Amino acid sequence: MIVVELRKLFRRPRTWATIGVLNALPVLVAVLLVVTDLAPRPGEGPPFLSAVLSNGALYPLAALAIVLPLFLPIAVAVVAGDSVAGEAQAGTLRYLLARPAGRTRLLVAKLVAVLVFVLVTVLVVAGVGYVLGATLFDAQPAAGTSVSGTSLSSQELSVRTLLAIGYVAVSMLGVAAFALFFSTLTDSPLGATMGALAVLVASSLLFTLDAASPIAPYLPTRYWLAFVDFFRDPIHWRDITRGLALQGVYVGVLLAAAWANFTTKDVTS
């Protein structure tokens, strides 16, 4: 069933169109940087964007930072929100559940498909960023510079980049868990997507308010940009570990709630 769900997801033109549109912004930003030769000052704009003119090897990280606050969560929420609610809206969910596989197995298959989509999407964004950095900018794969100003060897830069990509993927699993949970509550994919995005927008807004500081460490978007800490010397693990733990809690609780709701839900469509 997992193979069937993966085939169904990646054979849809909509899936690849979503990934393509997601990469349009990093491509546009790269072209503008090349044409104008102007980058934001350090500390302004997405992380690493100010450094790509001198080292294009950092553009995969800048590309992830460009899409992370808004466009990447939207793409993940759209796919995860459609996973169960889309079947209900199309009238195929009841027929899927008529198979001997059972609801738990179907939900697990949907979950695995969403997880693979998250990983593929993050890797594609990073891959497109690498190609852009290598072709449009002066890539220097032999060495790099940390956020702290110290030099990083080629191996250190590669390892830290992979760690950052993995961290961003884990952060997006929290978005997928929210959308999948809402997808089991409604027969509307749009409603499930909007529910997940509403939570994330509220989290981002609350994070900017001083009055919400007591709950700030527990907001789902709080540690999304902590992947930058992989490029400090030494690596600052505090926010990274907190971000991983927080996403783990959200994913675990939301998936358990989605399973509890889906396995007891009265499916009529």
C-alpha atoms as a PDB file:
ATOM      1  CA  MET A   1       0.000   0.000   0.000  1.00  0.00           C
ATOM      2  CA  ILE A   2       2.909   2.336   0.684  1.00  0.00           C
ATOM      3  CA  VAL A   3       4.206   1.823  -2.859  1.00  0.00           C
ATOM      4  CA  VAL A   4       0.727   2.539  -4.229  1.00  0.00           C
ATOM      5  CA  GLU A   5       0.494   5.807  -2.285  1.00  0.00           C
ATOM      6  CA  LEU A   6       3.977   6.882  -3.398  1.00  0.00           C
ATOM      7  CA  ARG A   7       3.128   6.166  -7.015  1.00  0.00           C
ATOM      8  CA  LYS A   8      -0.152   8.023  -6.684  1.00  0.00           C
ATOM      9  CA  LEU A   9       1.555  11.056  -5.146  1.00  0.00           C
ATOM     10  CA  PHE A  10       4.505  11.371  -7.505  1.00  0.00           C
ATOM     11  CA  ARG A  11       2.534  10.591 -10.660  1.00  0.00           C
ATOM     12  CA  ARG A  12       0.335  13.614 -10.080  1.00  0.00           C
ATOM     13  CA  PRO A  13       1.417  16.620 -12.152  1.00  0.00           C
ATOM     14  CA  ARG A  14       0.244  18.773  -9.238  1.00  0.00           C
ATOM     15  CA  THR A  15       3.000  17.350  -7.009  1.00  0.00           C
ATOM     16  CA  TRP A  16       5.785  18.300  -9.387  1.00  0.00           C
ATOM     17  CA  ALA A  17       4.111  21.610 -10.203  1.00  0.00           C
ATOM     18  CA  THR A  18       4.151  22.415  -6.478  1.00  0.00           C
ATOM     19  CA  ILE A  19       7.846  21.586  -6.244  1.00  0.00           C
ATOM     20  CA  GLY A  20       8.545  23.603  -9.397  1.00  0.00           C
ATOM     21  CA  VAL A  21       6.731  26.683  -8.148  1.00  0.00           C
ATOM     22  CA  LEU A  22       8.500  26.338  -4.814  1.00  0.00           C
ATOM     23  CA  ASN A  23      11.881  26.564  -6.557  1.00  0.00           C
ATOM     24  CA  ALA A  24      10.871  29.569  -8.640  1.00  0.00           C
ATOM     25  CA  LEU A  25      11.641  32.042  -5.853  1.00  0.00           C
ATOM     26  CA  PRO A  26      15.250  30.888  -5.207  1.00  0.00           C
ATOM     27  CA  VAL A  27      15.840  30.964  -8.973  1.00  0.00           C
ATOM     28  CA  LEU A  28      14.448  34.500  -9.216  1.00  0.00           C
ATOM     29  CA  VAL A  29      16.526  35.688  -6.255  1.00  0.00           C
ATOM     30  CA  ALA A  30      19.676  34.145  -7.742  1.00  0.00           C
ATOM     31  CA  VAL A  31      19.092  35.861 -11.082  1.00  0.00           C
ATOM     32  CA  LEU A  32      18.490  39.201  -9.376  1.00  0.00           C
ATOM     33  CA  LEU A  33      21.690  38.821  -7.357  1.00  0.00           C
ATOM     34  CA  VAL A  34      23.668  38.118 -10.522  1.00  0.00           C
ATOM     35  CA  VAL A  35      22.111  40.991 -12.467  1.00  0.00           C
ATOM     36  CA  THR A  36      22.394  43.596  -9.717  1.00  0.00           C
ATOM     37  CA  ASP A  37      25.473  42.199  -7.937  1.00  0.00           C
ATOM     38  CA  LEU A  38      23.855  43.436  -4.729  1.00  0.00           C
ATOM     39  CA  ALA A  39      23.240  41.242  -1.704  1.00  0.00           C
ATOM     40  CA  PRO A  40      21.655  42.226   1.610  1.00  0.00           C
ATOM     41  CA  ARG A  41      23.981  43.196   4.405  1.00  0.00           C
ATOM     42  CA  PRO A  42      24.984  40.466   6.861  1.00  0.00           C
ATOM     43  CA  GLY A  43      22.140  39.917   9.303  1.00  0.00           C
ATOM     44  CA  GLU A  44      19.560  41.289   6.877  1.00  0.00           C
ATOM     45  CA  GLY A  45      17.395  39.067   4.696  1.00  0.00           C
ATOM     46  CA  PRO A  46      17.546  35.252   4.655  1.00  0.00           C
ATOM     47  CA  PRO A  47      20.617  33.660   6.281  1.00  0.00           C
ATOM     48  CA  PHE A  48      23.641  33.105   4.010  1.00  0.00           C
ATOM     49  CA  LEU A  49      22.200  35.270   1.219  1.00  0.00           C
ATOM     50  CA  SER A  50      24.742  38.020   1.844  1.00  0.00           C
ATOM     51  CA  ALA A  51      27.624  35.545   1.460  1.00  0.00           C
ATOM     52  CA  VAL A  52      26.665  33.823  -1.790  1.00  0.00           C
ATOM     53  CA  LEU A  53      28.281  36.460  -4.027  1.00  0.00           C
ATOM     54  CA  SER A  54      31.669  35.462  -2.638  1.00  0.00           C
ATOM     55  CA  ASN A  55      30.907  31.747  -2.262  1.00  0.00           C
ATOM     56  CA  GLY A  56      28.122  30.177  -4.299  1.00  0.00           C
ATOM     57  CA  ALA A  57      28.534  26.898  -2.384  1.00  0.00           C
ATOM     58  CA  LEU A  58      26.383  28.478   0.319  1.00  0.00           C
ATOM     59  CA  TYR A  59      23.424  29.097  -1.970  1.00  0.00           C
ATOM     60  CA  PRO A  60      21.670  25.768  -1.136  1.00  0.00           C
ATOM     61  CA  LEU A  61      21.370  27.045   2.437  1.00  0.00           C
ATOM     62  CA  ALA A  62      20.228  30.468   1.267  1.00  0.00           C
ATOM     63  CA  ALA A  63      17.613  28.793  -0.965  1.00  0.00           C
ATOM     64  CA  LEU A  64      16.242  26.835   1.994  1.00  0.00           C
ATOM     65  CA  ALA A  65      16.158  29.998   4.109  1.00  0.00           C
ATOM     66  CA  ILE A  66      14.284  31.834   1.330  1.00  0.00           C
ATOM     67  CA  VAL A  67      11.464  29.271   1.099  1.00  0.00           C
ATOM     68  CA  LEU A  68      11.380  28.179   4.743  1.00  0.00           C
ATOM     69  CA  PRO A  69       9.269  30.916   6.364  1.00  0.00           C
ATOM     70  CA  LEU A  70       6.286  30.631   3.978  1.00  0.00           C
ATOM     71  CA  PHE A  71       6.500  28.754   0.685  1.00  0.00           C
ATOM     72  CA  LEU A  72       7.932  25.446   1.902  1.00  0.00           C
ATOM     73  CA  PRO A  73       5.361  25.090   4.724  1.00  0.00           C
ATOM     74  CA  ILE A  74       2.566  25.873   2.242  1.00  0.00           C
ATOM     75  CA  ALA A  75       3.771  23.147  -0.145  1.00  0.00           C
ATOM     76  CA  VAL A  76       3.991  20.589   2.664  1.00  0.00           C
ATOM     77  CA  ALA A  77       0.612  21.601   4.108  1.00  0.00           C
ATOM     78  CA  VAL A  78      -1.089  21.313   0.701  1.00  0.00           C
ATOM     79  CA  VAL A  79       0.134  17.759   0.122  1.00  0.00           C
ATOM     80  CA  ALA A  80      -0.406  16.538   3.693  1.00  0.00           C
ATOM     81  CA  GLY A  81      -3.811  18.212   3.943  1.00  0.00           C
ATOM     82  CA  ASP A  82      -4.916  16.441   0.774  1.00  0.00           C
ATOM     83  CA  SER A  83      -3.736  13.010   1.903  1.00  0.00           C
ATOM     84  CA  VAL A  84      -6.935  11.850   3.646  1.00  0.00           C
ATOM     85  CA  ALA A  85      -9.401  14.686   3.027  1.00  0.00           C
ATOM     86  CA  GLY A  86      -8.691  14.531  -0.706  1.00  0.00           C
ATOM     87  CA  GLU A  87      -9.788  10.896  -0.813  1.00  0.00           C
ATOM     88  CA  ALA A  88     -12.930  11.770   1.131  1.00  0.00           C
ATOM     89  CA  GLN A  89     -13.759  14.663  -1.176  1.00  0.00           C
ATOM     90  CA  ALA A  90     -13.249  12.493  -4.257  1.00  0.00           C
ATOM     91  CA  GLY A  91     -15.461   9.757  -2.765  1.00  0.00           C
ATOM     92  CA  THR A  92     -12.693   7.137  -2.829  1.00  0.00           C
ATOM     93  CA  LEU A  93     -11.919   6.900   0.883  1.00  0.00           C
ATOM     94  CA  ARG A  94     -14.756   4.484   1.612  1.00  0.00           C
ATOM     95  CA  TYR A  95     -13.564   2.159  -1.152  1.00  0.00           C
ATOM     96  CA  LEU A  96      -9.994   2.256   0.121  1.00  0.00           C
ATOM     97  CA  LEU A  97     -11.201   1.301   3.588  1.00  0.00           C
ATOM     98  CA  ALA A  98     -13.208  -1.581   2.136  1.00  0.00           C
ATOM     99  CA  ARG A  99      -9.922  -3.341   1.441  1.00  0.00           C
ATOM    100  CA  PRO A 100      -8.623  -5.744   4.076  1.00  0.00           C
ATOM    101  CA  ALA A 101      -5.659  -3.464   4.783  1.00  0.00           C
ATOM    102  CA  GLY A 102      -7.499  -1.515   7.474  1.00  0.00           C
ATOM    103  CA  ARG A 103      -7.464   2.098   8.558  1.00  0.00           C
ATOM    104  CA  THR A 104      -4.184   2.013  10.448  1.00  0.00           C
ATOM    105  CA  ARG A 105      -2.279   0.634   7.484  1.00  0.00           C
ATOM    106  CA  LEU A 106      -3.872   3.191   5.156  1.00  0.00           C
ATOM    107  CA  LEU A 107      -2.951   6.041   7.496  1.00  0.00           C
ATOM    108  CA  VAL A 108       0.614   4.742   7.773  1.00  0.00           C
ATOM    109  CA  ALA A 109       0.869   4.583   3.981  1.00  0.00           C
ATOM    110  CA  LYS A 110      -0.401   8.158   3.698  1.00  0.00           C
ATOM    111  CA  LEU A 111       2.086   9.257   6.377  1.00  0.00           C
ATOM    112  CA  VAL A 112       5.052   7.606   4.650  1.00  0.00           C
ATOM    113  CA  ALA A 113       4.090   9.226   1.337  1.00  0.00           C
ATOM    114  CA  VAL A 114       3.974  12.648   3.002  1.00  0.00           C
ATOM    115  CA  LEU A 115       7.332  12.054   4.713  1.00  0.00           C
ATOM    116  CA  VAL A 116       8.920  11.085   1.395  1.00  0.00           C
ATOM    117  CA  PHE A 117       7.438  14.200  -0.215  1.00  0.00           C
ATOM    118  CA  VAL A 118       8.941  16.375   2.528  1.00  0.00           C
ATOM    119  CA  LEU A 119      12.385  14.827   2.069  1.00  0.00           C
ATOM    120  CA  VAL A 120      12.253  14.992  -1.728  1.00  0.00           C
ATOM    121  CA  THR A 121      11.091  18.618  -1.676  1.00  0.00           C
ATOM    122  CA  VAL A 122      13.841  19.753   0.693  1.00  0.00           C
ATOM    123  CA  LEU A 123      16.480  17.867  -1.309  1.00  0.00           C
ATOM    124  CA  VAL A 124      15.231  19.350  -4.593  1.00  0.00           C
ATOM    125  CA  VAL A 125      15.369  22.886  -3.181  1.00  0.00           C
ATOM    126  CA  ALA A 126      18.900  22.273  -1.906  1.00  0.00           C
ATOM    127  CA  GLY A 127      19.890  20.631  -5.205  1.00  0.00           C
ATOM    128  CA  VAL A 128      18.550  23.513  -7.275  1.00  0.00           C
ATOM    129  CA  GLY A 129      20.356  25.902  -4.931  1.00  0.00           C
ATOM    130  CA  TYR A 130      23.592  23.984  -5.454  1.00  0.00           C
ATOM    131  CA  VAL A 131      23.245  24.142  -9.240  1.00  0.00           C
ATOM    132  CA  LEU A 132      22.469  27.861  -9.093  1.00  0.00           C
ATOM    133  CA  GLY A 133      25.384  28.514  -6.765  1.00  0.00           C
ATOM    134  CA  ALA A 134      27.799  26.554  -8.950  1.00  0.00           C
ATOM    135  CA  THR A 135      26.700  28.098 -12.253  1.00  0.00           C
ATOM    136  CA  LEU A 136      25.814  31.683 -11.379  1.00  0.00           C
ATOM    137  CA  PHE A 137      28.191  32.497  -8.538  1.00  0.00           C
ATOM    138  CA  ASP A 138      31.829  31.967  -7.668  1.00  0.00           C
ATOM    139  CA  ALA A 139      31.512  28.642  -5.873  1.00  0.00           C
ATOM    140  CA  GLN A 140      34.422  27.727  -3.646  1.00  0.00           C
ATOM    141  CA  PRO A 141      33.887  24.110  -2.633  1.00  0.00           C
ATOM    142  CA  ALA A 142      37.388  23.789  -1.216  1.00  0.00           C
ATOM    143  CA  ALA A 143      36.595  25.923   1.805  1.00  0.00           C
ATOM    144  CA  GLY A 144      33.976  28.069   3.426  1.00  0.00           C
ATOM    145  CA  THR A 145      33.480  30.536   6.226  1.00  0.00           C
ATOM    146  CA  SER A 146      31.413  29.913   9.330  1.00  0.00           C
ATOM    147  CA  VAL A 147      28.941  32.414  10.751  1.00  0.00           C
ATOM    148  CA  SER A 148      31.512  33.014  13.477  1.00  0.00           C
ATOM    149  CA  GLY A 149      34.055  34.105  10.879  1.00  0.00           C
ATOM    150  CA  THR A 150      36.324  31.077  11.050  1.00  0.00           C
ATOM    151  CA  SER A 151      37.190  28.945   8.021  1.00  0.00           C
ATOM    152  CA  LEU A 152      35.575  25.590   7.322  1.00  0.00           C
ATOM    153  CA  SER A 153      37.134  22.829   5.271  1.00  0.00           C
ATOM    154  CA  SER A 154      35.312  21.309   2.321  1.00  0.00           C
ATOM    155  CA  GLN A 155      34.397  18.240   4.398  1.00  0.00           C
ATOM    156  CA  GLU A 156      33.122  20.333   7.302  1.00  0.00           C
ATOM    157  CA  LEU A 157      31.022  22.489   4.982  1.00  0.00           C
ATOM    158  CA  SER A 158      29.512  19.417   3.295  1.00  0.00           C
ATOM    159  CA  VAL A 159      28.689  17.660   6.567  1.00  0.00           C
ATOM    160  CA  ARG A 160      27.140  20.763   8.110  1.00  0.00           C
ATOM    161  CA  THR A 161      25.121  21.392   4.963  1.00  0.00           C
ATOM    162  CA  LEU A 162      23.703  17.862   5.095  1.00  0.00           C
ATOM    163  CA  LEU A 163      22.883  18.310   8.777  1.00  0.00           C
ATOM    164  CA  ALA A 164      21.108  21.578   8.000  1.00  0.00           C
ATOM    165  CA  ILE A 165      19.081  19.936   5.228  1.00  0.00           C
ATOM    166  CA  GLY A 166      18.066  17.158   7.611  1.00  0.00           C
ATOM    167  CA  TYR A 167      17.077  19.683  10.270  1.00  0.00           C
ATOM    168  CA  VAL A 168      14.879  21.619   7.842  1.00  0.00           C
ATOM    169  CA  ALA A 169      13.223  18.346   6.781  1.00  0.00           C
ATOM    170  CA  VAL A 170      12.455  17.481  10.415  1.00  0.00           C
ATOM    171  CA  SER A 171      11.038  20.974  10.957  1.00  0.00           C
ATOM    172  CA  MET A 172       8.666  20.420   8.031  1.00  0.00           C
ATOM    173  CA  LEU A 173       7.504  17.134   9.537  1.00  0.00           C
ATOM    174  CA  GLY A 174       5.752  19.214  12.182  1.00  0.00           C
ATOM    175  CA  VAL A 175       3.859  21.044   9.433  1.00  0.00           C
ATOM    176  CA  ALA A 176       2.962  17.718   7.825  1.00  0.00           C
ATOM    177  CA  ALA A 177       1.700  16.370  11.149  1.00  0.00           C
ATOM    178  CA  PHE A 178      -0.590  19.376  11.654  1.00  0.00           C
ATOM    179  CA  ALA A 179      -1.983  19.095   8.124  1.00  0.00           C
ATOM    180  CA  LEU A 180      -2.433  15.314   8.338  1.00  0.00           C
ATOM    181  CA  PHE A 181      -4.279  15.665  11.632  1.00  0.00           C
ATOM    182  CA  PHE A 182      -6.638  18.280  10.192  1.00  0.00           C
ATOM    183  CA  SER A 183      -7.031  16.075   7.112  1.00  0.00           C
ATOM    184  CA  THR A 184      -8.615  13.391   9.303  1.00  0.00           C
ATOM    185  CA  LEU A 185     -11.061  15.921  10.757  1.00  0.00           C
ATOM    186  CA  THR A 186     -12.558  17.227   7.523  1.00  0.00           C
ATOM    187  CA  ASP A 187     -13.516  16.144   4.017  1.00  0.00           C
ATOM    188  CA  SER A 188     -12.075  19.355   2.565  1.00  0.00           C
ATOM    189  CA  PRO A 189      -8.380  19.366   1.564  1.00  0.00           C
ATOM    190  CA  LEU A 190      -8.468  23.160   1.492  1.00  0.00           C
ATOM    191  CA  GLY A 191      -9.857  23.233   5.021  1.00  0.00           C
ATOM    192  CA  ALA A 192      -7.105  20.912   6.275  1.00  0.00           C
ATOM    193  CA  THR A 193      -4.425  22.976   4.546  1.00  0.00           C
ATOM    194  CA  MET A 194      -5.787  26.265   5.838  1.00  0.00           C
ATOM    195  CA  GLY A 195      -6.066  24.847   9.360  1.00  0.00           C
ATOM    196  CA  ALA A 196      -2.393  23.882   9.399  1.00  0.00           C
ATOM    197  CA  LEU A 197      -1.317  27.213   7.919  1.00  0.00           C
ATOM    198  CA  ALA A 198      -3.476  29.112  10.416  1.00  0.00           C
ATOM    199  CA  VAL A 199      -1.587  27.418  13.259  1.00  0.00           C
ATOM    200  CA  LEU A 200       1.766  28.315  11.713  1.00  0.00           C
ATOM    201  CA  VAL A 201       0.804  31.925  10.999  1.00  0.00           C
ATOM    202  CA  ALA A 202      -0.474  32.308  14.551  1.00  0.00           C
ATOM    203  CA  SER A 203       2.773  30.824  15.851  1.00  0.00           C
ATOM    204  CA  SER A 204       4.852  33.272  13.800  1.00  0.00           C
ATOM    205  CA  LEU A 205       2.792  36.244  14.967  1.00  0.00           C
ATOM    206  CA  LEU A 206       2.878  35.227  18.625  1.00  0.00           C
ATOM    207  CA  PHE A 207       6.648  34.837  18.436  1.00  0.00           C
ATOM    208  CA  THR A 208       6.962  38.565  17.676  1.00  0.00           C
ATOM    209  CA  LEU A 209       4.890  39.635  20.692  1.00  0.00           C
ATOM    210  CA  ASP A 210       6.592  40.286  24.016  1.00  0.00           C
ATOM    211  CA  ALA A 211       3.386  39.317  25.829  1.00  0.00           C
ATOM    212  CA  ALA A 212       3.687  35.804  24.365  1.00  0.00           C
ATOM    213  CA  SER A 213       7.275  35.287  25.548  1.00  0.00           C
ATOM    214  CA  PRO A 214       6.288  32.671  28.188  1.00  0.00           C
ATOM    215  CA  ILE A 215       4.977  30.346  25.461  1.00  0.00           C
ATOM    216  CA  ALA A 216       7.503  31.307  22.763  1.00  0.00           C
ATOM    217  CA  PRO A 217       9.782  28.274  23.376  1.00  0.00           C
ATOM    218  CA  TYR A 218       6.833  25.969  22.662  1.00  0.00           C
ATOM    219  CA  LEU A 219       5.626  27.534  19.407  1.00  0.00           C
ATOM    220  CA  PRO A 220       6.019  25.186  16.404  1.00  0.00           C
ATOM    221  CA  THR A 221       7.913  27.762  14.313  1.00  0.00           C
ATOM    222  CA  ARG A 222      10.216  28.875  17.130  1.00  0.00           C
ATOM    223  CA  TYR A 223      13.354  26.977  16.080  1.00  0.00           C
ATOM    224  CA  TRP A 224      12.929  26.692  12.314  1.00  0.00           C
ATOM    225  CA  LEU A 225      15.966  28.856  11.548  1.00  0.00           C
ATOM    226  CA  ALA A 226      18.179  27.127  14.102  1.00  0.00           C
ATOM    227  CA  PHE A 227      19.881  25.280  11.215  1.00  0.00           C
ATOM    228  CA  VAL A 228      22.091  28.383  10.992  1.00  0.00           C
ATOM    229  CA  ASP A 229      23.734  27.236  14.231  1.00  0.00           C
ATOM    230  CA  PHE A 230      25.323  24.330  12.360  1.00  0.00           C
ATOM    231  CA  PHE A 231      27.555  26.947  10.748  1.00  0.00           C
ATOM    232  CA  ARG A 232      28.826  28.503  13.934  1.00  0.00           C
ATOM    233  CA  ASP A 233      32.221  27.528  15.290  1.00  0.00           C
ATOM    234  CA  PRO A 234      31.748  25.588  17.446  1.00  0.00           C
ATOM    235  CA  ILE A 235      28.249  24.393  16.573  1.00  0.00           C
ATOM    236  CA  HIS A 236      25.601  25.790  18.936  1.00  0.00           C
ATOM    237  CA  TRP A 237      23.544  22.719  19.804  1.00  0.00           C
ATOM    238  CA  ARG A 238      21.138  24.320  22.264  1.00  0.00           C
ATOM    239  CA  ASP A 239      18.466  25.577  19.853  1.00  0.00           C
ATOM    240  CA  ILE A 240      19.062  22.675  17.463  1.00  0.00           C
ATOM    241  CA  THR A 241      18.329  20.036  20.107  1.00  0.00           C
ATOM    242  CA  ARG A 242      15.380  22.022  21.419  1.00  0.00           C
ATOM    243  CA  GLY A 243      13.991  22.358  17.903  1.00  0.00           C
ATOM    244  CA  LEU A 244      14.326  18.624  17.249  1.00  0.00           C
ATOM    245  CA  ALA A 245      12.715  17.762  20.578  1.00  0.00           C
ATOM    246  CA  LEU A 246       9.856  20.216  20.035  1.00  0.00           C
ATOM    247  CA  GLN A 247       9.104  18.880  16.569  1.00  0.00           C
ATOM    248  CA  GLY A 248       9.274  15.350  17.941  1.00  0.00           C
ATOM    249  CA  VAL A 249       6.630  16.167  20.537  1.00  0.00           C
ATOM    250  CA  TYR A 250       4.348  17.850  18.013  1.00  0.00           C
ATOM    251  CA  VAL A 251       4.722  15.025  15.488  1.00  0.00           C
ATOM    252  CA  GLY A 252       4.133  12.324  18.080  1.00  0.00           C
ATOM    253  CA  VAL A 253       1.073  13.952  19.651  1.00  0.00           C
ATOM    254  CA  LEU A 254      -0.533  14.988  16.362  1.00  0.00           C
ATOM    255  CA  LEU A 255       0.004  11.636  14.671  1.00  0.00           C
ATOM    256  CA  ALA A 256      -1.456   9.855  17.685  1.00  0.00           C
ATOM    257  CA  ALA A 257      -4.466  12.176  17.573  1.00  0.00           C
ATOM    258  CA  ALA A 258      -4.832  11.639  13.810  1.00  0.00           C
ATOM    259  CA  TRP A 259      -4.748   7.862  14.297  1.00  0.00           C
ATOM    260  CA  ALA A 260      -7.264   7.981  17.147  1.00  0.00           C
ATOM    261  CA  ASN A 261      -9.643  10.127  15.122  1.00  0.00           C
ATOM    262  CA  PHE A 262      -9.260   8.258  11.831  1.00  0.00           C
ATOM    263  CA  THR A 263      -9.688   4.791  13.278  1.00  0.00           C
ATOM    264  CA  THR A 264     -12.962   5.796  14.980  1.00  0.00           C
ATOM    265  CA  LYS A 265     -14.282   8.113  12.283  1.00  0.00           C
ATOM    266  CA  ASP A 266     -17.591   7.390  10.577  1.00  0.00           C
ATOM    267  CA  VAL A 267     -16.570   7.449   6.912  1.00  0.00           C
ATOM    268  CA  THR A 268     -19.455   8.091   4.561  1.00  0.00           C
ATOM    269  CA  SER A 269     -17.644   9.227   1.431  1.00  0.00           C
END
